N, C-alpha and C. Protein backbone atom coordinates (compact mmCIF):
# COMPACT_ATOMS: atom_id res chain seq x y z
N MET A 1 22.38 46.82 -5.53
CA MET A 1 22.49 45.58 -6.26
C MET A 1 22.46 45.88 -7.75
N ILE A 2 23.42 45.33 -8.46
CA ILE A 2 23.47 45.51 -9.91
C ILE A 2 22.59 44.45 -10.56
N SER A 3 21.73 44.89 -11.45
CA SER A 3 20.84 43.98 -12.16
C SER A 3 21.12 44.07 -13.65
N THR A 4 20.69 43.05 -14.36
CA THR A 4 20.90 43.03 -15.81
C THR A 4 19.59 43.20 -16.54
N GLY A 5 19.71 43.62 -17.80
CA GLY A 5 18.69 43.88 -18.79
C GLY A 5 17.23 43.88 -18.41
N GLU A 6 16.55 44.90 -18.83
CA GLU A 6 15.10 45.00 -18.72
C GLU A 6 14.65 46.13 -19.64
N ASN A 7 13.39 46.13 -19.98
CA ASN A 7 12.84 47.18 -20.84
C ASN A 7 13.71 47.45 -22.06
N SER A 8 14.06 46.39 -22.79
CA SER A 8 14.99 46.55 -23.90
C SER A 8 14.28 46.62 -25.25
N GLY A 9 13.02 46.90 -25.28
CA GLY A 9 12.28 46.86 -26.53
C GLY A 9 12.06 48.22 -27.16
N ASP A 10 10.97 48.30 -27.92
CA ASP A 10 10.64 49.51 -28.66
C ASP A 10 10.43 50.71 -27.74
N GLU A 11 9.90 50.46 -26.55
CA GLU A 11 9.66 51.55 -25.60
C GLU A 11 10.97 52.25 -25.24
N THR A 12 12.01 51.45 -24.99
CA THR A 12 13.32 52.01 -24.66
C THR A 12 13.89 52.77 -25.85
N THR A 13 13.79 52.19 -27.03
CA THR A 13 14.31 52.85 -28.23
C THR A 13 13.63 54.20 -28.44
N ARG A 14 12.32 54.24 -28.32
CA ARG A 14 11.58 55.51 -28.50
C ARG A 14 11.99 56.53 -27.45
N LEU A 15 12.12 56.08 -26.21
CA LEU A 15 12.49 57.00 -25.14
C LEU A 15 13.89 57.57 -25.40
N LEU A 16 14.86 56.70 -25.68
CA LEU A 16 16.23 57.16 -25.90
C LEU A 16 16.32 58.11 -27.10
N ALA A 17 15.52 57.87 -28.11
CA ALA A 17 15.51 58.76 -29.28
C ALA A 17 14.93 60.13 -28.94
N SER A 18 14.04 60.17 -27.95
CA SER A 18 13.38 61.44 -27.59
C SER A 18 14.18 62.28 -26.60
N ILE A 19 15.20 61.70 -25.99
CA ILE A 19 16.00 62.41 -24.99
C ILE A 19 17.23 63.01 -25.66
N HIS A 20 17.44 64.30 -25.41
CA HIS A 20 18.61 64.97 -25.98
C HIS A 20 19.44 65.60 -24.87
N THR A 21 20.74 65.54 -25.04
CA THR A 21 21.64 66.15 -24.07
C THR A 21 21.61 67.67 -24.23
N GLU A 22 22.25 68.35 -23.32
CA GLU A 22 22.30 69.81 -23.38
C GLU A 22 23.02 70.29 -24.64
N SER A 23 23.87 69.45 -25.23
CA SER A 23 24.56 69.83 -26.47
C SER A 23 23.71 69.53 -27.70
N GLY A 24 22.55 68.86 -27.51
CA GLY A 24 21.65 68.56 -28.61
C GLY A 24 21.76 67.14 -29.14
N ALA A 25 22.67 66.35 -28.61
CA ALA A 25 22.85 64.97 -29.08
C ALA A 25 21.72 64.07 -28.57
N SER A 26 21.24 63.20 -29.43
CA SER A 26 20.23 62.21 -29.05
C SER A 26 20.89 61.12 -28.22
N LEU A 27 20.25 60.75 -27.13
CA LEU A 27 20.80 59.68 -26.29
C LEU A 27 20.88 58.37 -27.06
N LEU A 28 19.93 58.13 -27.94
CA LEU A 28 19.96 56.92 -28.75
C LEU A 28 21.19 56.91 -29.66
N LYS A 29 21.45 58.02 -30.33
CA LYS A 29 22.62 58.10 -31.22
C LYS A 29 23.92 57.92 -30.45
N LEU A 30 23.99 58.50 -29.25
CA LEU A 30 25.19 58.32 -28.42
C LEU A 30 25.37 56.86 -28.03
N ALA A 31 24.26 56.21 -27.66
CA ALA A 31 24.32 54.80 -27.24
C ALA A 31 24.63 53.88 -28.41
N GLU A 32 24.24 54.27 -29.61
CA GLU A 32 24.58 53.46 -30.79
C GLU A 32 26.05 53.62 -31.16
N ALA A 33 26.64 54.76 -30.81
CA ALA A 33 28.04 55.02 -31.14
C ALA A 33 29.00 54.35 -30.16
N SER A 34 28.61 54.27 -28.88
CA SER A 34 29.45 53.62 -27.86
C SER A 34 28.59 53.35 -26.64
N PRO A 35 29.02 52.42 -25.78
CA PRO A 35 28.26 52.18 -24.55
C PRO A 35 28.17 53.47 -23.72
N ILE A 36 27.05 53.64 -23.04
CA ILE A 36 26.79 54.83 -22.22
C ILE A 36 26.64 54.42 -20.76
N LEU A 37 27.35 55.11 -19.90
CA LEU A 37 27.11 54.99 -18.46
C LEU A 37 26.21 56.17 -18.11
N LEU A 38 24.92 55.90 -17.99
CA LEU A 38 23.92 56.93 -17.75
C LEU A 38 23.73 57.07 -16.24
N VAL A 39 24.17 58.20 -15.70
CA VAL A 39 24.18 58.42 -14.26
C VAL A 39 23.11 59.45 -13.91
N PHE A 40 22.09 59.01 -13.18
CA PHE A 40 21.04 59.89 -12.69
C PHE A 40 21.48 60.39 -11.31
N LEU A 41 21.49 61.70 -11.14
CA LEU A 41 21.93 62.30 -9.88
C LEU A 41 20.76 62.75 -9.03
N ARG A 42 21.03 62.91 -7.74
CA ARG A 42 20.07 63.58 -6.86
C ARG A 42 20.27 65.08 -7.03
N HIS A 43 19.82 65.86 -6.09
CA HIS A 43 19.96 67.31 -6.17
C HIS A 43 21.41 67.73 -5.88
N PHE A 44 21.81 68.88 -6.39
CA PHE A 44 23.20 69.32 -6.28
C PHE A 44 23.60 69.74 -4.86
N GLY A 45 22.65 69.91 -3.96
CA GLY A 45 22.98 70.19 -2.57
C GLY A 45 23.39 68.94 -1.80
N CYS A 46 23.23 67.79 -2.41
CA CYS A 46 23.51 66.50 -1.77
C CYS A 46 24.98 66.12 -1.91
N SER A 47 25.63 65.81 -0.80
CA SER A 47 27.05 65.42 -0.84
C SER A 47 27.24 64.12 -1.62
N PHE A 48 26.24 63.23 -1.61
CA PHE A 48 26.37 61.96 -2.35
C PHE A 48 26.24 62.18 -3.86
N CYS A 49 25.48 63.20 -4.25
CA CYS A 49 25.41 63.58 -5.66
C CYS A 49 26.78 64.06 -6.12
N ARG A 50 27.39 64.90 -5.34
CA ARG A 50 28.72 65.41 -5.68
C ARG A 50 29.75 64.28 -5.69
N GLN A 51 29.59 63.32 -4.77
CA GLN A 51 30.49 62.17 -4.75
C GLN A 51 30.37 61.38 -6.04
N ALA A 52 29.15 61.21 -6.55
CA ALA A 52 28.94 60.47 -7.79
C ALA A 52 29.67 61.16 -8.96
N ILE A 53 29.58 62.48 -9.03
CA ILE A 53 30.28 63.21 -10.09
C ILE A 53 31.79 62.99 -9.94
N SER A 54 32.28 63.09 -8.71
CA SER A 54 33.69 62.89 -8.44
C SER A 54 34.14 61.47 -8.79
N ASP A 55 33.34 60.48 -8.43
CA ASP A 55 33.69 59.08 -8.72
C ASP A 55 33.81 58.85 -10.22
N VAL A 56 32.86 59.36 -10.98
CA VAL A 56 32.91 59.18 -12.43
C VAL A 56 34.09 59.96 -13.02
N ALA A 57 34.35 61.14 -12.50
CA ALA A 57 35.51 61.91 -12.97
C ALA A 57 36.80 61.12 -12.72
N ASP A 58 36.91 60.51 -11.55
CA ASP A 58 38.11 59.71 -11.22
C ASP A 58 38.24 58.50 -12.14
N LEU A 59 37.12 57.98 -12.61
CA LEU A 59 37.13 56.81 -13.49
C LEU A 59 37.27 57.16 -14.97
N SER A 60 37.34 58.44 -15.29
CA SER A 60 37.39 58.86 -16.69
C SER A 60 38.44 58.12 -17.53
N PRO A 61 39.68 57.95 -17.05
CA PRO A 61 40.65 57.22 -17.87
C PRO A 61 40.22 55.78 -18.17
N GLU A 62 39.65 55.11 -17.19
CA GLU A 62 39.19 53.73 -17.39
C GLU A 62 37.98 53.68 -18.32
N LEU A 63 37.08 54.63 -18.17
CA LEU A 63 35.92 54.69 -19.06
C LEU A 63 36.37 54.90 -20.50
N LYS A 64 37.33 55.79 -20.71
CA LYS A 64 37.85 56.03 -22.06
C LYS A 64 38.52 54.78 -22.61
N ARG A 65 39.28 54.10 -21.77
CA ARG A 65 39.96 52.88 -22.20
C ARG A 65 38.96 51.83 -22.66
N ARG A 66 37.81 51.80 -22.02
CA ARG A 66 36.77 50.81 -22.36
C ARG A 66 35.75 51.37 -23.36
N TYR A 67 35.99 52.58 -23.86
CA TYR A 67 35.09 53.25 -24.82
C TYR A 67 33.68 53.44 -24.28
N VAL A 68 33.58 53.69 -22.99
CA VAL A 68 32.29 53.96 -22.35
C VAL A 68 32.18 55.46 -22.12
N ARG A 69 31.09 56.04 -22.59
CA ARG A 69 30.87 57.48 -22.46
C ARG A 69 29.93 57.73 -21.27
N PRO A 70 30.37 58.54 -20.30
CA PRO A 70 29.44 58.91 -19.23
C PRO A 70 28.49 60.01 -19.69
N VAL A 71 27.24 59.87 -19.30
CA VAL A 71 26.23 60.90 -19.54
C VAL A 71 25.47 61.04 -18.23
N PHE A 72 25.31 62.27 -17.77
CA PHE A 72 24.63 62.54 -16.51
C PHE A 72 23.25 63.11 -16.75
N VAL A 73 22.30 62.67 -15.94
CA VAL A 73 20.95 63.25 -15.92
C VAL A 73 20.82 63.93 -14.56
N HIS A 74 20.41 65.18 -14.58
CA HIS A 74 20.30 65.94 -13.33
C HIS A 74 18.99 66.70 -13.29
N LEU A 75 18.65 67.15 -12.09
CA LEU A 75 17.39 67.82 -11.85
C LEU A 75 17.47 69.34 -11.96
N GLY A 76 18.66 69.85 -12.16
CA GLY A 76 18.84 71.30 -12.20
C GLY A 76 18.78 71.86 -13.61
N THR A 77 18.99 73.16 -13.70
CA THR A 77 19.12 73.80 -15.00
C THR A 77 20.55 73.59 -15.50
N PRO A 78 20.77 73.73 -16.79
CA PRO A 78 22.15 73.63 -17.29
C PRO A 78 23.10 74.62 -16.61
N GLU A 79 22.60 75.82 -16.33
CA GLU A 79 23.43 76.84 -15.68
C GLU A 79 23.79 76.44 -14.25
N ARG A 80 22.87 75.83 -13.56
CA ARG A 80 23.14 75.38 -12.18
C ARG A 80 24.11 74.19 -12.19
N ALA A 81 23.99 73.31 -13.17
CA ALA A 81 24.82 72.09 -13.21
C ALA A 81 26.27 72.36 -13.58
N LYS A 82 26.50 73.27 -14.50
CA LYS A 82 27.83 73.48 -15.07
C LYS A 82 28.95 73.65 -14.04
N PRO A 83 28.79 74.50 -13.02
CA PRO A 83 29.89 74.68 -12.06
C PRO A 83 30.29 73.39 -11.33
N PHE A 84 29.32 72.51 -11.08
CA PHE A 84 29.63 71.27 -10.38
C PHE A 84 30.49 70.36 -11.25
N PHE A 85 30.16 70.26 -12.52
CA PHE A 85 30.94 69.41 -13.43
C PHE A 85 32.30 70.04 -13.71
N ASP A 86 32.34 71.36 -13.84
CA ASP A 86 33.62 72.04 -14.03
C ASP A 86 34.53 71.81 -12.82
N TYR A 87 33.97 71.90 -11.62
CA TYR A 87 34.76 71.73 -10.40
C TYR A 87 35.46 70.36 -10.37
N TYR A 88 34.78 69.33 -10.83
CA TYR A 88 35.37 67.99 -10.81
C TYR A 88 36.13 67.65 -12.10
N GLY A 89 36.31 68.65 -12.96
CA GLY A 89 37.15 68.48 -14.14
C GLY A 89 36.51 67.75 -15.31
N ILE A 90 35.19 67.65 -15.30
CA ILE A 90 34.50 66.99 -16.42
C ILE A 90 33.41 67.90 -16.99
N GLY A 91 33.76 69.15 -17.15
CA GLY A 91 32.81 70.14 -17.66
C GLY A 91 32.31 69.87 -19.06
N ASP A 92 33.06 69.04 -19.81
CA ASP A 92 32.67 68.75 -21.19
C ASP A 92 31.82 67.49 -21.32
N VAL A 93 31.51 66.84 -20.21
CA VAL A 93 30.72 65.61 -20.25
C VAL A 93 29.29 65.93 -20.71
N GLU A 94 28.68 64.99 -21.42
CA GLU A 94 27.29 65.17 -21.86
C GLU A 94 26.37 65.14 -20.64
N ARG A 95 25.40 66.06 -20.64
CA ARG A 95 24.45 66.16 -19.53
C ARG A 95 23.05 66.35 -20.08
N ILE A 96 22.10 65.89 -19.27
CA ILE A 96 20.68 66.03 -19.60
C ILE A 96 20.00 66.71 -18.41
N SER A 97 19.38 67.83 -18.66
CA SER A 97 18.65 68.56 -17.64
C SER A 97 17.21 68.05 -17.61
N ASP A 98 16.76 67.59 -16.44
CA ASP A 98 15.41 67.04 -16.29
C ASP A 98 14.77 67.57 -15.00
N PRO A 99 14.52 68.88 -14.91
CA PRO A 99 14.00 69.47 -13.68
C PRO A 99 12.67 68.89 -13.20
N GLN A 100 11.85 68.37 -14.12
CA GLN A 100 10.56 67.80 -13.73
C GLN A 100 10.66 66.32 -13.41
N ALA A 101 11.86 65.72 -13.54
CA ALA A 101 12.11 64.30 -13.26
C ALA A 101 11.27 63.37 -14.13
N THR A 102 10.92 63.80 -15.32
CA THR A 102 10.11 62.94 -16.19
C THR A 102 10.90 61.74 -16.70
N ILE A 103 12.19 61.91 -16.93
CA ILE A 103 13.01 60.78 -17.37
C ILE A 103 13.24 59.83 -16.19
N TYR A 104 13.52 60.37 -15.04
CA TYR A 104 13.74 59.56 -13.83
C TYR A 104 12.55 58.63 -13.59
N GLN A 105 11.36 59.17 -13.70
CA GLN A 105 10.16 58.44 -13.34
C GLN A 105 9.52 57.70 -14.50
N ASN A 106 10.13 57.77 -15.68
CA ASN A 106 9.63 57.02 -16.84
C ASN A 106 9.67 55.53 -16.52
N PRO A 107 8.70 54.76 -16.98
CA PRO A 107 8.69 53.31 -16.71
C PRO A 107 9.95 52.57 -17.16
N VAL A 108 10.68 53.12 -18.11
CA VAL A 108 11.92 52.47 -18.55
C VAL A 108 12.96 52.50 -17.43
N PHE A 109 13.07 53.63 -16.71
CA PHE A 109 14.10 53.76 -15.68
C PHE A 109 13.57 53.51 -14.27
N GLN A 110 12.33 53.87 -14.00
CA GLN A 110 11.66 53.57 -12.72
C GLN A 110 12.47 53.96 -11.49
N LEU A 111 12.94 55.18 -11.43
CA LEU A 111 13.67 55.62 -10.25
C LEU A 111 12.68 56.19 -9.24
N SER A 112 12.76 55.70 -8.05
CA SER A 112 11.76 56.03 -7.03
C SER A 112 12.04 57.39 -6.38
N ARG A 113 11.07 57.80 -5.61
CA ARG A 113 11.19 58.99 -4.78
C ARG A 113 11.08 58.53 -3.34
N MET A 114 11.78 59.21 -2.47
CA MET A 114 11.72 58.84 -1.06
C MET A 114 11.84 60.09 -0.21
N SER A 115 11.35 60.00 0.99
CA SER A 115 11.43 61.13 1.91
C SER A 115 12.88 61.38 2.31
N PRO A 116 13.39 62.60 2.08
CA PRO A 116 14.76 62.86 2.50
C PRO A 116 14.92 62.77 4.02
N TRP A 117 13.84 63.05 4.73
CA TRP A 117 13.93 63.00 6.19
C TRP A 117 14.00 61.55 6.66
N LEU A 118 13.28 60.65 5.99
CA LEU A 118 13.38 59.24 6.31
C LEU A 118 14.78 58.72 5.99
N SER A 119 15.34 59.20 4.90
CA SER A 119 16.68 58.79 4.50
C SER A 119 17.72 59.16 5.55
N LEU A 120 17.50 60.29 6.20
CA LEU A 120 18.49 60.79 7.15
C LEU A 120 18.64 59.89 8.38
N VAL A 121 17.64 59.08 8.69
CA VAL A 121 17.74 58.22 9.87
C VAL A 121 18.33 56.84 9.54
N GLN A 122 18.60 56.59 8.27
CA GLN A 122 19.16 55.29 7.88
C GLN A 122 20.65 55.22 8.24
N PRO A 123 21.07 54.15 8.90
CA PRO A 123 22.47 54.03 9.31
C PRO A 123 23.46 54.15 8.15
N SER A 124 23.11 53.65 6.96
CA SER A 124 24.03 53.71 5.83
C SER A 124 24.34 55.15 5.42
N VAL A 125 23.36 56.04 5.60
CA VAL A 125 23.58 57.44 5.27
C VAL A 125 24.56 58.05 6.26
N TRP A 126 24.37 57.79 7.53
CA TRP A 126 25.28 58.31 8.55
C TRP A 126 26.68 57.73 8.36
N ILE A 127 26.76 56.45 8.05
CA ILE A 127 28.07 55.82 7.82
C ILE A 127 28.75 56.48 6.62
N GLY A 128 27.99 56.72 5.55
CA GLY A 128 28.55 57.39 4.38
C GLY A 128 29.09 58.77 4.72
N TRP A 129 28.35 59.52 5.51
CA TRP A 129 28.83 60.84 5.92
C TRP A 129 30.07 60.72 6.79
N LEU A 130 30.05 59.75 7.74
CA LEU A 130 31.19 59.57 8.62
C LEU A 130 32.44 59.10 7.88
N LYS A 131 32.24 58.41 6.76
CA LYS A 131 33.38 57.97 5.95
C LYS A 131 34.01 59.15 5.20
N GLY A 132 33.43 60.30 5.31
CA GLY A 132 34.05 61.49 4.76
C GLY A 132 33.32 62.17 3.62
N THR A 133 32.23 61.61 3.17
CA THR A 133 31.53 62.21 2.03
C THR A 133 31.15 63.66 2.30
N ILE A 134 30.60 63.91 3.45
CA ILE A 134 30.13 65.27 3.75
C ILE A 134 31.32 66.24 3.89
N PHE A 135 32.47 65.73 4.39
CA PHE A 135 33.63 66.61 4.55
C PHE A 135 34.33 66.85 3.22
N LYS A 136 34.36 65.83 2.38
CA LYS A 136 35.05 65.94 1.09
C LYS A 136 34.22 66.73 0.07
N HIS A 137 32.89 66.53 0.09
CA HIS A 137 32.05 67.11 -0.96
C HIS A 137 31.08 68.17 -0.46
N GLY A 138 31.00 68.35 0.85
CA GLY A 138 30.13 69.38 1.39
C GLY A 138 28.66 69.04 1.27
N ILE A 139 27.87 69.95 1.73
CA ILE A 139 26.42 69.81 1.64
C ILE A 139 25.87 71.19 1.33
N GLY A 140 24.84 71.25 0.57
CA GLY A 140 24.32 72.55 0.16
C GLY A 140 22.81 72.61 0.26
N LYS A 141 22.32 73.68 -0.24
CA LYS A 141 20.89 73.95 -0.23
C LYS A 141 20.18 73.06 -1.24
N ILE A 142 19.03 72.56 -0.84
CA ILE A 142 18.21 71.77 -1.76
C ILE A 142 17.44 72.73 -2.65
N GLU A 143 17.80 72.77 -3.92
CA GLU A 143 17.08 73.59 -4.88
C GLU A 143 16.30 72.73 -5.87
N GLU A 144 16.71 71.47 -5.98
CA GLU A 144 16.00 70.55 -6.87
C GLU A 144 15.15 69.62 -6.00
N ASP A 145 14.62 68.58 -6.56
CA ASP A 145 13.75 67.65 -5.85
C ASP A 145 14.57 66.77 -4.89
N GLY A 146 14.48 67.05 -3.62
CA GLY A 146 15.21 66.29 -2.60
C GLY A 146 14.66 64.90 -2.36
N HIS A 147 13.52 64.58 -2.94
CA HIS A 147 12.91 63.27 -2.77
C HIS A 147 13.35 62.27 -3.85
N GLN A 148 13.87 62.76 -4.97
CA GLN A 148 14.19 61.89 -6.10
C GLN A 148 15.45 61.07 -5.84
N MET A 149 15.34 59.77 -6.05
CA MET A 149 16.48 58.88 -5.86
C MET A 149 17.26 58.74 -7.17
N PRO A 150 18.57 58.48 -7.06
CA PRO A 150 19.42 58.33 -8.24
C PRO A 150 19.45 56.89 -8.75
N GLY A 151 20.17 56.71 -9.83
CA GLY A 151 20.38 55.37 -10.40
C GLY A 151 21.41 55.45 -11.51
N ILE A 152 21.89 54.29 -11.93
CA ILE A 152 22.91 54.22 -12.98
C ILE A 152 22.53 53.10 -13.94
N PHE A 153 22.67 53.37 -15.22
CA PHE A 153 22.30 52.40 -16.26
C PHE A 153 23.41 52.31 -17.29
N LEU A 154 23.76 51.10 -17.67
CA LEU A 154 24.69 50.89 -18.78
C LEU A 154 23.86 50.61 -20.01
N LEU A 155 24.00 51.49 -21.00
CA LEU A 155 23.26 51.35 -22.26
C LEU A 155 24.20 50.91 -23.36
N LYS A 156 23.77 49.94 -24.13
CA LYS A 156 24.49 49.55 -25.35
C LYS A 156 23.43 49.51 -26.44
N ASP A 157 23.66 50.29 -27.48
CA ASP A 157 22.65 50.48 -28.53
C ASP A 157 21.38 50.98 -27.84
N ALA A 158 20.27 50.33 -28.03
CA ALA A 158 19.02 50.79 -27.42
C ALA A 158 18.62 49.87 -26.27
N LYS A 159 19.60 49.25 -25.64
CA LYS A 159 19.30 48.29 -24.58
C LYS A 159 19.92 48.72 -23.25
N ILE A 160 19.19 48.48 -22.18
CA ILE A 160 19.74 48.62 -20.84
C ILE A 160 20.37 47.28 -20.51
N VAL A 161 21.69 47.27 -20.44
CA VAL A 161 22.43 46.03 -20.21
C VAL A 161 22.50 45.70 -18.72
N ARG A 162 22.81 46.72 -17.92
CA ARG A 162 22.88 46.57 -16.46
C ARG A 162 22.39 47.86 -15.82
N HIS A 163 21.94 47.74 -14.60
CA HIS A 163 21.50 48.94 -13.90
C HIS A 163 21.70 48.80 -12.40
N PHE A 164 21.72 49.93 -11.73
CA PHE A 164 21.82 50.01 -10.28
C PHE A 164 20.87 51.11 -9.84
N ARG A 165 19.85 50.72 -9.10
CA ARG A 165 18.92 51.70 -8.54
C ARG A 165 19.23 51.85 -7.06
N HIS A 166 19.49 53.05 -6.64
CA HIS A 166 19.82 53.31 -5.25
C HIS A 166 18.62 53.02 -4.34
N ARG A 167 18.90 52.37 -3.24
CA ARG A 167 17.87 52.16 -2.21
C ARG A 167 17.94 53.27 -1.17
N THR A 168 19.17 53.77 -0.95
CA THR A 168 19.36 54.94 -0.08
C THR A 168 20.24 55.92 -0.83
N MET A 169 20.27 57.15 -0.37
CA MET A 169 21.11 58.14 -1.04
C MET A 169 22.59 57.84 -0.86
N ALA A 170 22.96 57.00 0.11
CA ALA A 170 24.36 56.70 0.39
C ALA A 170 24.87 55.43 -0.29
N ASP A 171 24.04 54.74 -1.04
CA ASP A 171 24.51 53.53 -1.72
C ASP A 171 25.72 53.84 -2.57
N GLU A 172 26.68 52.91 -2.57
CA GLU A 172 27.91 53.09 -3.34
C GLU A 172 27.97 52.05 -4.46
N PRO A 173 27.58 52.45 -5.66
CA PRO A 173 27.60 51.50 -6.78
C PRO A 173 29.03 51.15 -7.19
N ASN A 174 29.19 49.95 -7.71
CA ASN A 174 30.49 49.53 -8.25
C ASN A 174 30.46 49.86 -9.74
N TYR A 175 30.98 51.01 -10.09
CA TYR A 175 30.94 51.47 -11.47
C TYR A 175 31.68 50.52 -12.41
N LEU A 176 32.82 49.99 -11.97
CA LEU A 176 33.58 49.08 -12.84
C LEU A 176 32.82 47.79 -13.11
N LYS A 177 32.10 47.29 -12.12
CA LYS A 177 31.30 46.10 -12.33
C LYS A 177 30.14 46.41 -13.29
N LEU A 178 29.59 47.59 -13.19
CA LEU A 178 28.51 48.00 -14.09
C LEU A 178 28.97 48.02 -15.55
N ILE A 179 30.20 48.45 -15.80
CA ILE A 179 30.65 48.58 -17.18
C ILE A 179 31.39 47.36 -17.69
N SER A 180 31.57 46.34 -16.84
CA SER A 180 32.32 45.14 -17.28
C SER A 180 31.52 44.28 -18.21
């Protein structure tokens, strides 16, 4: 479910100013320059994580047309993340490495953790795999936190305009609705 605005005050501004991408850019400065589609990923062994990278890569022309910059937050090291983004053709996209999940779990973003084993018994996960996610994007070894759930936030200036917090790892956000 896509929700609108929350935590749009000084706390958000301070947090965004303190977060820097792997290239050194402040998330606040990026958000002040253009809207940001901030995509929090699960671990890189997850086929749904890879699907999210692929989905955003496929939407790159539309994001550019709307002047929306994608920025990814991931749980891996920059070295571990790079091949995944290169594979989907967006190796130059801004990324934030957060191996300790401190940004994920910050009160501004409030992304939950869930048992990956509990997730595996949910019908939506099996349906997502049967729809081809696992065949198209594969599955790999869990090297990052397999319990951390993803989410997506549209930032404009220092405000969260809309957000989508995943309830299951297989949730399929409507990226175009998020950026509209």
